[in-house]
C-alpha cells in the first residue's frame, strides 16, 4: 500500500508552532524561577543575599540548612504539621465518604435539603466563624491541641469533599452493590471494599487538595494553637521575622526543606490527581 508523502509544514504553521513553544518556555521559566531563586538564596550568607539577591551564590552556605533545623526547630514544625494534616485527613475522609455515600445511594426525607445545606457551607467565609469556633473548642477542652485544629480543617473541607465524592459514587453501577448485599455485606463494608477501589482517583484528588490547604494554613493555626511547641510549618516560619531584620537565607533554607514533602507527595500521585479532577468534572 502506497503512502502519501508527508506534506511540508507551511510558514504559517511553523510560525504558530514556534509561538506555542515560546509561550510554553516562558510559562516554565515563570513557574520555576521562584523555586530556583529560593534555592540560590538559601545558600547565601546574609550579607551576600542583600548585595547579590538575584545571582548565584559565590560561596555555598550549606550551614543554613543545619541552622534551620537546630536554631529554628524546623524538624519540630514539620512533625507537628504532619500530625495535624494526618488527623484532619482521617476525620475528613471518613465523614465525607460516609455522608456522600448516604446522599448518593439512600433515599430519606430531606435528602435534597441536606445536600443544599452541605454545599452552602462552601459559601461561608471561614474568617467570620473564628469566634464561634474558638468558643466551641474551648468548651470542649480541645483549644490549643492538634485534635481541635484537625477537626476545624476537616469541617472546612467537608462540603467540597462531599460534593466531589458523591459524583464518583453516582457513577458506580448499582448492580455491584446489589451483588455485595446478596453476599451479606453491610453498607460500610460495601463502601470500603467495593466503592473505594473503584473511586480511588476521587479520594486521591480530595486528599491532595485538602492536604495542601491544611499544610499551608497560617490563620487558623495562629488562632487555635496556643503552645509554641505545637506550632505548624507556616506558624513556625514566623520565628525568622525579627524586629530588627529578617533572616532571609535561613528562612529560604527552611522553605526549601518544608516544600520537599509537598513536592514528593504531589509527584507520586500526580497522575491520579489529574485523573481524579478530569473524571470528576464529567460525572
C-alpha atoms as a PDB file:
ATOM      1  CA  UNK A   1       0.000   0.000   0.000  1.00  0.00           C
ATOM      2  CA  UNK A   2       1.393   3.331  -1.071  1.00  0.00           C
ATOM      3  CA  UNK A   3       1.653   6.076   1.482  1.00  0.00           C
ATOM      4  CA  UNK A   4       1.285   9.707   0.766  1.00  0.00           C
ATOM      5  CA  UNK A   5       4.410  11.779   1.073  1.00  0.00           C
ATOM      6  CA  UNK A   6       4.428  13.942   4.181  1.00  0.00           C
ATOM      7  CA  UNK A   7       3.435  17.456   3.335  1.00  0.00           C
ATOM      8  CA  UNK A   8       5.983  20.060   4.432  1.00  0.00           C
ATOM      9  CA  UNK A   9       4.920  22.483   7.097  1.00  0.00           C
ATOM     10  CA  UNK A  10       3.872  25.845   5.787  1.00  0.00           C
ATOM     11  CA  UNK A  11       5.492  29.003   7.047  1.00  0.00           C
ATOM     12  CA  UNK A  12       2.305  29.885   8.929  1.00  0.00           C
ATOM     13  CA  UNK A  13       2.258  26.510  10.703  1.00  0.00           C
ATOM     14  CA  UNK A  14       5.917  26.804  11.683  1.00  0.00           C
ATOM     15  CA  UNK A  15       5.293  30.302  12.985  1.00  0.00           C
ATOM     16  CA  UNK A  16       2.332  29.146  15.110  1.00  0.00           C
ATOM     17  CA  UNK A  17       4.323  26.203  16.497  1.00  0.00           C
ATOM     18  CA  UNK A  18       7.227  28.487  17.348  1.00  0.00           C
ATOM     19  CA  UNK A  19       4.924  30.870  19.209  1.00  0.00           C
ATOM     20  CA  UNK A  20       3.394  27.956  21.094  1.00  0.00           C
ATOM     21  CA  UNK A  21       6.778  26.588  22.163  1.00  0.00           C
ATOM     22  CA  UNK A  22       7.918  30.074  23.133  1.00  0.00           C
ATOM     23  CA  UNK A  23       4.830  30.554  25.293  1.00  0.00           C
ATOM     24  CA  UNK A  24       5.391  27.166  26.972  1.00  0.00           C
ATOM     25  CA  UNK A  25       9.038  28.001  27.637  1.00  0.00           C
ATOM     26  CA  UNK A  26       8.038  31.327  29.173  1.00  0.00           C
ATOM     27  CA  UNK A  27       5.467  29.591  31.387  1.00  0.00           C
ATOM     28  CA  UNK A  28       8.076  27.065  32.588  1.00  0.00           C
ATOM     29  CA  UNK A  29      10.583  29.802  33.391  1.00  0.00           C
ATOM     30  CA  UNK A  30       7.915  31.831  35.178  1.00  0.00           C
ATOM     31  CA  UNK A  31       6.909  28.821  37.278  1.00  0.00           C
ATOM     32  CA  UNK A  32      10.407  27.553  38.073  1.00  0.00           C
ATOM     33  CA  UNK A  33      12.282  30.809  38.627  1.00  0.00           C
ATOM     34  CA  UNK A  34      10.860  31.422  42.145  1.00  0.00           C
ATOM     35  CA  UNK A  35      11.951  27.897  43.130  1.00  0.00           C
ATOM     36  CA  UNK A  36      15.446  28.470  41.735  1.00  0.00           C
ATOM     37  CA  UNK A  37      15.622  31.848  43.498  1.00  0.00           C
ATOM     38  CA  UNK A  38      14.696  30.231  46.814  1.00  0.00           C
ATOM     39  CA  UNK A  39      17.388  27.568  46.383  1.00  0.00           C
ATOM     40  CA  UNK A  40      20.055  30.136  45.475  1.00  0.00           C
ATOM     41  CA  UNK A  41      19.037  32.437  48.337  1.00  0.00           C
ATOM     42  CA  UNK A  42      19.165  29.604  50.849  1.00  0.00           C
ATOM     43  CA  UNK A  43      22.829  29.003  50.006  1.00  0.00           C
ATOM     44  CA  UNK A  44      23.998  32.590  50.532  1.00  0.00           C
ATOM     45  CA  UNK A  45      25.201  34.443  53.580  1.00  0.00           C
ATOM     46  CA  UNK A  46      23.038  37.266  54.903  1.00  0.00           C
ATOM     47  CA  UNK A  47      25.414  39.910  53.569  1.00  0.00           C
ATOM     48  CA  UNK A  48      25.618  38.325  50.128  1.00  0.00           C
ATOM     49  CA  UNK A  49      21.854  37.962  49.975  1.00  0.00           C
ATOM     50  CA  UNK A  50      21.389  41.727  50.209  1.00  0.00           C
ATOM     51  CA  UNK A  51      24.307  42.619  47.928  1.00  0.00           C
ATOM     52  CA  UNK A  52      23.592  39.946  45.309  1.00  0.00           C
ATOM     53  CA  UNK A  53      19.908  38.976  45.618  1.00  0.00           C
ATOM     54  CA  UNK A  54      19.396  37.654  42.050  1.00  0.00           C
ATOM     55  CA  UNK A  55      22.667  35.948  41.135  1.00  0.00           C
ATOM     56  CA  UNK A  56      24.155  32.589  42.018  1.00  0.00           C
ATOM     57  CA  UNK A  57      25.845  32.279  45.418  1.00  0.00           C
ATOM     58  CA  UNK A  58      29.578  32.924  45.382  1.00  0.00           C
ATOM     59  CA  UNK A  59      30.212  30.812  48.485  1.00  0.00           C
ATOM     60  CA  UNK A  60      27.784  27.978  49.151  1.00  0.00           C
ATOM     61  CA  UNK A  61      26.481  28.249  52.730  1.00  0.00           C
ATOM     62  CA  UNK A  62      25.096  24.766  53.380  1.00  0.00           C
ATOM     63  CA  UNK A  63      25.181  25.569  57.087  1.00  0.00           C
ATOM     64  CA  UNK A  64      21.921  27.495  56.616  1.00  0.00           C
ATOM     65  CA  UNK A  65      20.087  24.175  56.369  1.00  0.00           C
ATOM     66  CA  UNK A  66      21.565  22.749  59.542  1.00  0.00           C
ATOM     67  CA  UNK A  67      20.944  26.060  61.324  1.00  0.00           C
ATOM     68  CA  UNK A  68      17.313  25.987  60.194  1.00  0.00           C
ATOM     69  CA  UNK A  69      16.905  22.607  61.871  1.00  0.00           C
ATOM     70  CA  UNK A  70      18.905  23.387  65.006  1.00  0.00           C
ATOM     71  CA  UNK A  71      18.082  27.027  65.707  1.00  0.00           C
ATOM     72  CA  UNK A  72      14.619  27.431  64.206  1.00  0.00           C
ATOM     73  CA  UNK A  73      13.376  23.902  65.109  1.00  0.00           C
ATOM     74  CA  UNK A  74      12.156  23.218  61.590  1.00  0.00           C
ATOM     75  CA  UNK A  75      12.047  19.499  62.324  1.00  0.00           C
ATOM     76  CA  UNK A  76       9.517  20.053  65.130  1.00  0.00           C
ATOM     77  CA  UNK A  77       7.301  22.205  62.899  1.00  0.00           C
ATOM     78  CA  UNK A  78       7.446  19.578  60.176  1.00  0.00           C
ATOM     79  CA  UNK A  79       6.377  16.819  62.569  1.00  0.00           C
ATOM     80  CA  UNK A  80       3.564  18.937  64.002  1.00  0.00           C
ATOM     81  CA  UNK A  81       2.213  19.705  60.535  1.00  0.00           C
ATOM     82  CA  UNK A  82       2.343  16.053  59.526  1.00  0.00           C
ATOM     83  CA  UNK A  83       0.376  15.077  62.644  1.00  0.00           C
ATOM     84  CA  UNK A  84      -2.278  17.754  62.137  1.00  0.00           C
ATOM     85  CA  UNK A  85      -2.684  17.030  58.415  1.00  0.00           C
ATOM     86  CA  UNK A  86      -2.900  13.263  59.006  1.00  0.00           C
ATOM     87  CA  UNK A  87      -5.541  13.683  61.718  1.00  0.00           C
ATOM     88  CA  UNK A  88      -7.509  16.145  59.615  1.00  0.00           C
ATOM     89  CA  UNK A  89      -7.485  13.874  56.568  1.00  0.00           C
ATOM     90  CA  UNK A  90      -8.614  10.813  58.543  1.00  0.00           C
ATOM     91  CA  UNK A  91     -11.538  12.724  60.061  1.00  0.00           C
ATOM     92  CA  UNK A  92     -12.442  14.408  56.786  1.00  0.00           C
ATOM     93  CA  UNK A  93     -12.294  11.325  54.548  1.00  0.00           C
ATOM     94  CA  UNK A  94     -14.348   9.203  56.942  1.00  0.00           C
ATOM     95  CA  UNK A  95     -17.036  11.856  57.442  1.00  0.00           C
ATOM     96  CA  UNK A  96     -17.163  12.967  53.794  1.00  0.00           C
ATOM     97  CA  UNK A  97     -17.149   9.433  52.349  1.00  0.00           C
ATOM     98  CA  UNK A  98     -19.949   8.150  54.566  1.00  0.00           C
ATOM     99  CA  UNK A  99     -22.035  11.291  54.020  1.00  0.00           C
ATOM    100  CA  UNK A 100     -21.502  11.264  50.249  1.00  0.00           C
ATOM    101  CA  UNK A 101     -22.388   7.566  50.069  1.00  0.00           C
ATOM    102  CA  UNK A 102     -25.605   8.137  52.023  1.00  0.00           C
ATOM    103  CA  UNK A 103     -26.596  11.040  49.761  1.00  0.00           C
ATOM    104  CA  UNK A 104     -25.788   9.051  46.615  1.00  0.00           C
ATOM    105  CA  UNK A 105     -27.432   5.723  47.479  1.00  0.00           C
ATOM    106  CA  UNK A 106     -30.054   6.120  50.215  1.00  0.00           C
ATOM    107  CA  UNK A 107     -33.452   7.792  49.985  1.00  0.00           C
ATOM    108  CA  UNK A 108     -34.647   9.553  53.129  1.00  0.00           C
ATOM    109  CA  UNK A 109     -36.797  12.598  53.889  1.00  0.00           C
ATOM    110  CA  UNK A 110     -34.909  15.843  53.466  1.00  0.00           C
ATOM    111  CA  UNK A 111     -32.030  14.408  51.440  1.00  0.00           C
ATOM    112  CA  UNK A 112     -32.065  17.267  48.947  1.00  0.00           C
ATOM    113  CA  UNK A 113     -32.221  19.804  51.769  1.00  0.00           C
ATOM    114  CA  UNK A 114     -29.208  18.192  53.435  1.00  0.00           C
ATOM    115  CA  UNK A 115     -27.286  18.365  50.151  1.00  0.00           C
ATOM    116  CA  UNK A 116     -28.107  22.053  49.741  1.00  0.00           C
ATOM    117  CA  UNK A 117     -27.061  22.843  53.318  1.00  0.00           C
ATOM    118  CA  UNK A 118     -23.756  20.995  52.941  1.00  0.00           C
ATOM    119  CA  UNK A 119     -22.951  22.768  49.677  1.00  0.00           C
ATOM    120  CA  UNK A 120     -23.986  26.101  51.174  1.00  0.00           C
ATOM    121  CA  UNK A 121     -21.247  25.755  53.795  1.00  0.00           C
ATOM    122  CA  UNK A 122     -18.725  26.258  50.987  1.00  0.00           C
ATOM    123  CA  UNK A 123     -20.004  29.824  50.589  1.00  0.00           C
ATOM    124  CA  UNK A 124     -19.336  30.858  54.204  1.00  0.00           C
ATOM    125  CA  UNK A 125     -16.025  32.711  54.685  1.00  0.00           C
ATOM    126  CA  UNK A 126     -14.007  30.960  57.394  1.00  0.00           C
ATOM    127  CA  UNK A 127     -12.970  34.267  58.994  1.00  0.00           C
ATOM    128  CA  UNK A 128     -16.450  35.003  60.325  1.00  0.00           C
ATOM    129  CA  UNK A 129     -16.518  31.624  62.095  1.00  0.00           C
ATOM    130  CA  UNK A 130     -13.359  32.244  64.116  1.00  0.00           C
ATOM    131  CA  UNK A 131     -15.038  33.407  67.314  1.00  0.00           C
ATOM    132  CA  UNK A 132     -17.769  30.695  67.347  1.00  0.00           C
ATOM    133  CA  UNK A 133     -15.160  28.008  66.672  1.00  0.00           C
ATOM    134  CA  UNK A 134     -12.934  29.402  69.410  1.00  0.00           C
ATOM    135  CA  UNK A 135     -15.806  29.233  71.921  1.00  0.00           C
ATOM    136  CA  UNK A 136     -16.784  25.705  70.877  1.00  0.00           C
ATOM    137  CA  UNK A 137     -13.241  24.352  71.111  1.00  0.00           C
ATOM    138  CA  UNK A 138     -12.723  25.992  74.497  1.00  0.00           C
ATOM    139  CA  UNK A 139     -15.937  24.489  75.846  1.00  0.00           C
ATOM    140  CA  UNK A 140     -14.920  21.038  74.571  1.00  0.00           C
ATOM    141  CA  UNK A 141     -11.420  21.314  76.011  1.00  0.00           C
ATOM    142  CA  UNK A 142      -9.800  20.998  72.577  1.00  0.00           C
ATOM    143  CA  UNK A 143      -8.389  24.504  72.308  1.00  0.00           C
ATOM    144  CA  UNK A 144      -4.646  24.559  71.651  1.00  0.00           C
ATOM    145  CA  UNK A 145      -4.370  20.897  70.679  1.00  0.00           C
ATOM    146  CA  UNK A 146      -3.851  19.055  67.433  1.00  0.00           C
ATOM    147  CA  UNK A 147      -7.272  17.386  67.565  1.00  0.00           C
ATOM    148  CA  UNK A 148      -9.119  20.675  67.753  1.00  0.00           C
ATOM    149  CA  UNK A 149      -7.279  22.142  64.778  1.00  0.00           C
ATOM    150  CA  UNK A 150      -7.694  18.896  62.821  1.00  0.00           C
ATOM    151  CA  UNK A 151     -11.476  18.967  63.384  1.00  0.00           C
ATOM    152  CA  UNK A 152     -11.613  22.553  62.110  1.00  0.00           C
ATOM    153  CA  UNK A 153      -9.634  21.632  58.998  1.00  0.00           C
ATOM    154  CA  UNK A 154     -11.928  18.656  58.371  1.00  0.00           C
ATOM    155  CA  UNK A 155     -15.033  20.800  58.774  1.00  0.00           C
ATOM    156  CA  UNK A 156     -13.651  23.417  56.392  1.00  0.00           C
ATOM    157  CA  UNK A 157     -13.137  20.919  53.567  1.00  0.00           C
ATOM    158  CA  UNK A 158     -16.269  18.863  54.245  1.00  0.00           C
ATOM    159  CA  UNK A 159     -18.581  20.489  51.696  1.00  0.00           C
ATOM    160  CA  UNK A 160     -16.259  20.288  48.705  1.00  0.00           C
ATOM    161  CA  UNK A 161     -15.222  16.724  49.564  1.00  0.00           C
ATOM    162  CA  UNK A 162     -18.825  15.529  49.800  1.00  0.00           C
ATOM    163  CA  UNK A 163     -19.695  17.228  46.532  1.00  0.00           C
ATOM    164  CA  UNK A 164     -16.791  15.597  44.675  1.00  0.00           C
ATOM    165  CA  UNK A 165     -17.088  12.111  46.192  1.00  0.00           C
ATOM    166  CA  UNK A 166     -20.836  11.982  45.645  1.00  0.00           C
ATOM    167  CA  UNK A 167     -20.337  12.483  41.901  1.00  0.00           C
ATOM    168  CA  UNK A 168     -17.970   9.498  41.875  1.00  0.00           C
ATOM    169  CA  UNK A 169     -20.323   7.272  43.872  1.00  0.00           C
ATOM    170  CA  UNK A 170     -23.206   8.020  41.496  1.00  0.00           C
ATOM    171  CA  UNK A 171     -21.087   6.760  38.585  1.00  0.00           C
ATOM    172  CA  UNK A 172     -20.540   3.320  40.172  1.00  0.00           C
ATOM    173  CA  UNK A 173     -23.056   0.731  38.859  1.00  0.00           C
ATOM    174  CA  UNK A 174     -25.672  -0.163  41.446  1.00  0.00           C
ATOM    175  CA  UNK A 175     -25.510  -3.809  40.372  1.00  0.00           C
ATOM    176  CA  UNK A 176     -22.112  -4.177  42.018  1.00  0.00           C
ATOM    177  CA  UNK A 177     -23.533  -3.096  45.357  1.00  0.00           C
ATOM    178  CA  UNK A 178     -26.562  -5.339  44.961  1.00  0.00           C
ATOM    179  CA  UNK A 179     -24.248  -8.291  44.418  1.00  0.00           C
ATOM    180  CA  UNK A 180     -22.354  -7.388  47.578  1.00  0.00           C
ATOM    181  CA  UNK A 181     -25.637  -7.140  49.515  1.00  0.00           C
ATOM    182  CA  UNK A 182     -26.564 -10.652  48.377  1.00  0.00           C
ATOM    183  CA  UNK A 183     -23.243 -11.820  49.825  1.00  0.00           C
ATOM    184  CA  UNK A 184     -24.237 -10.314  53.182  1.00  0.00           C
ATOM    185  CA  UNK A 185     -22.033  -7.201  53.116  1.00  0.00           C
ATOM    186  CA  UNK A 186     -23.037  -4.220  55.260  1.00  0.00           C
ATOM    187  CA  UNK A 187     -23.189  -0.674  53.800  1.00  0.00           C
ATOM    188  CA  UNK A 188     -19.875   0.251  55.440  1.00  0.00           C
ATOM    189  CA  UNK A 189     -18.239  -2.913  54.090  1.00  0.00           C
ATOM    190  CA  UNK A 190     -19.584  -2.131  50.613  1.00  0.00           C
ATOM    191  CA  UNK A 191     -18.158   1.376  50.848  1.00  0.00           C
ATOM    192  CA  UNK A 192     -14.699   0.139  51.857  1.00  0.00           C
ATOM    193  CA  UNK A 193     -14.342  -2.951  49.653  1.00  0.00           C
ATOM    194  CA  UNK A 194     -16.453  -2.094  46.590  1.00  0.00           C
ATOM    195  CA  UNK A 195     -16.813   1.666  46.237  1.00  0.00           C
ATOM    196  CA  UNK A 196     -13.384   2.778  47.452  1.00  0.00           C
ATOM    197  CA  UNK A 197     -11.303   0.768  44.923  1.00  0.00           C
ATOM    198  CA  UNK A 198     -13.482   1.992  42.049  1.00  0.00           C
ATOM    199  CA  UNK A 199     -13.365   5.655  43.091  1.00  0.00           C
ATOM    200  CA  UNK A 200      -9.736   5.823  44.204  1.00  0.00           C
ATOM    201  CA  UNK A 201      -8.882   8.786  41.882  1.00  0.00           C
ATOM    202  CA  UNK A 202     -11.605  10.820  43.561  1.00  0.00           C
ATOM    203  CA  UNK A 203     -10.299  10.010  47.038  1.00  0.00           C
ATOM    204  CA  UNK A 204      -6.763  10.935  45.991  1.00  0.00           C
ATOM    205  CA  UNK A 205      -7.955  14.216  44.469  1.00  0.00           C
ATOM    206  CA  UNK A 206      -9.760  15.122  47.696  1.00  0.00           C
ATOM    207  CA  UNK A 207      -6.739  14.070  49.764  1.00  0.00           C
ATOM    208  CA  UNK A 208      -4.269  16.181  47.796  1.00  0.00           C
ATOM    209  CA  UNK A 209      -6.469  19.288  47.614  1.00  0.00           C
ATOM    210  CA  UNK A 210      -7.342  19.244  51.304  1.00  0.00           C
ATOM    211  CA  UNK A 211      -3.833  18.285  52.431  1.00  0.00           C
ATOM    212  CA  UNK A 212      -2.376  21.283  50.603  1.00  0.00           C
ATOM    213  CA  UNK A 213      -4.845  23.621  52.274  1.00  0.00           C
ATOM    214  CA  UNK A 214      -4.147  22.196  55.740  1.00  0.00           C
ATOM    215  CA  UNK A 215      -0.389  22.263  55.187  1.00  0.00           C
ATOM    216  CA  UNK A 216      -0.305  25.905  54.069  1.00  0.00           C
ATOM    217  CA  UNK A 217      -2.784  27.325  56.589  1.00  0.00           C
ATOM    218  CA  UNK A 218      -1.463  30.083  58.831  1.00  0.00           C
ATOM    219  CA  UNK A 219      -4.528  31.925  60.096  1.00  0.00           C
ATOM    220  CA  UNK A 220      -6.345  29.082  61.852  1.00  0.00           C
ATOM    221  CA  UNK A 221      -3.131  27.654  63.299  1.00  0.00           C
ATOM    222  CA  UNK A 222      -2.200  31.102  64.628  1.00  0.00           C
ATOM    223  CA  UNK A 223      -5.576  31.466  66.363  1.00  0.00           C
ATOM    224  CA  UNK A 224      -6.154  27.978  67.776  1.00  0.00           C
ATOM    225  CA  UNK A 225      -2.655  26.738  68.670  1.00  0.00           C
ATOM    226  CA  UNK A 226      -1.626  28.314  71.968  1.00  0.00           C
ATOM    227  CA  UNK A 227       1.603  26.464  72.765  1.00  0.00           C
ATOM    228  CA  UNK A 228       4.702  27.496  70.722  1.00  0.00           C
ATOM    229  CA  UNK A 229       5.904  23.885  70.829  1.00  0.00           C
ATOM    230  CA  UNK A 230       2.785  22.870  68.868  1.00  0.00           C
ATOM    231  CA  UNK A 231       3.408  25.329  66.015  1.00  0.00           C
ATOM    232  CA  UNK A 232       2.912  24.039  62.487  1.00  0.00           C
ATOM    233  CA  UNK A 233       5.089  24.887  59.492  1.00  0.00           C
ATOM    234  CA  UNK A 234       3.565  28.265  58.478  1.00  0.00           C
ATOM    235  CA  UNK A 235       3.344  29.368  62.097  1.00  0.00           C
ATOM    236  CA  UNK A 236       6.896  28.298  62.873  1.00  0.00           C
ATOM    237  CA  UNK A 237       8.281  30.250  59.940  1.00  0.00           C
ATOM    238  CA  UNK A 238       7.241  33.471  61.655  1.00  0.00           C
ATOM    239  CA  UNK A 239      10.191  32.973  64.020  1.00  0.00           C
ATOM    240  CA  UNK A 240      12.519  34.053  61.219  1.00  0.00           C
ATOM    241  CA  UNK A 241      10.933  37.530  61.215  1.00  0.00           C
ATOM    242  CA  UNK A 242      12.734  39.524  63.878  1.00  0.00           C
ATOM    243  CA  UNK A 243      12.042  43.104  64.900  1.00  0.00           C
ATOM    244  CA  UNK A 244      15.435  44.291  63.660  1.00  0.00           C
ATOM    245  CA  UNK A 245      15.708  42.261  60.429  1.00  0.00           C
ATOM    246  CA  UNK A 246      14.613  39.130  58.624  1.00  0.00           C
ATOM    247  CA  UNK A 247      16.975  36.186  58.420  1.00  0.00           C
ATOM    248  CA  UNK A 248      16.300  35.546  54.730  1.00  0.00           C
ATOM    249  CA  UNK A 249      18.914  32.845  53.971  1.00  0.00           C
ATOM    250  CA  UNK A 250      17.788  30.606  56.835  1.00  0.00           C
ATOM    251  CA  UNK A 251      14.162  31.352  56.078  1.00  0.00           C
ATOM    252  CA  UNK A 252      14.643  30.276  52.461  1.00  0.00           C
ATOM    253  CA  UNK A 253      16.539  27.188  53.639  1.00  0.00           C
ATOM    254  CA  UNK A 254      13.582  26.295  55.858  1.00  0.00           C
ATOM    255  CA  UNK A 255      11.182  26.867  52.961  1.00  0.00           C
ATOM    256  CA  UNK A 256      13.257  24.547  50.760  1.00  0.00           C
ATOM    257  CA  UNK A 257      13.159  21.823  53.413  1.00  0.00           C
ATOM    258  CA  UNK A 258       9.451  22.189  54.130  1.00  0.00           C
ATOM    259  CA  UNK A 259       8.473  22.291  50.456  1.00  0.00           C
ATOM    260  CA  UNK A 260      10.157  18.959  49.756  1.00  0.00           C
ATOM    261  CA  UNK A 261       7.410  16.733  51.295  1.00  0.00           C
ATOM    262  CA  UNK A 262       4.766  18.545  49.253  1.00  0.00           C
ATOM    263  CA  UNK A 263       6.692  18.094  46.004  1.00  0.00           C
ATOM    264  CA  UNK A 264       7.357  14.414  46.706  1.00  0.00           C
ATOM    265  CA  UNK A 265       3.726  13.755  47.630  1.00  0.00           C
ATOM    266  CA  UNK A 266       2.382  15.525  44.556  1.00  0.00           C
ATOM    267  CA  UNK A 267       4.885  13.905  42.176  1.00  0.00           C
ATOM    268  CA  UNK A 268       3.946  10.427  43.422  1.00  0.00           C
ATOM    269  CA  UNK A 269       0.218  10.960  42.918  1.00  0.00           C
ATOM    270  CA  UNK A 270       0.211  13.483  40.080  1.00  0.00           C
ATOM    271  CA  UNK A 271      -1.347  11.155  37.528  1.00  0.00           C
ATOM    272  CA  UNK A 272      -4.083  10.064  39.931  1.00  0.00           C
ATOM    273  CA  UNK A 273      -4.707  13.671  40.940  1.00  0.00           C
ATOM    274  CA  UNK A 274      -5.220  14.873  37.366  1.00  0.00           C
ATOM    275  CA  UNK A 275      -7.283  11.800  36.567  1.00  0.00           C
ATOM    276  CA  UNK A 276      -9.469  12.426  39.587  1.00  0.00           C
ATOM    277  CA  UNK A 277     -10.159  16.054  38.687  1.00  0.00           C
ATOM    278  CA  UNK A 278     -10.859  15.405  34.993  1.00  0.00           C
ATOM    279  CA  UNK A 279     -13.031  12.379  35.718  1.00  0.00           C
ATOM    280  CA  UNK A 280     -14.982  14.166  38.396  1.00  0.00           C
ATOM    281  CA  UNK A 281     -15.690  17.069  36.026  1.00  0.00           C
ATOM    282  CA  UNK A 282     -17.712  14.898  33.622  1.00  0.00           C
ATOM    283  CA  UNK A 283     -19.550  12.695  36.114  1.00  0.00           C
END
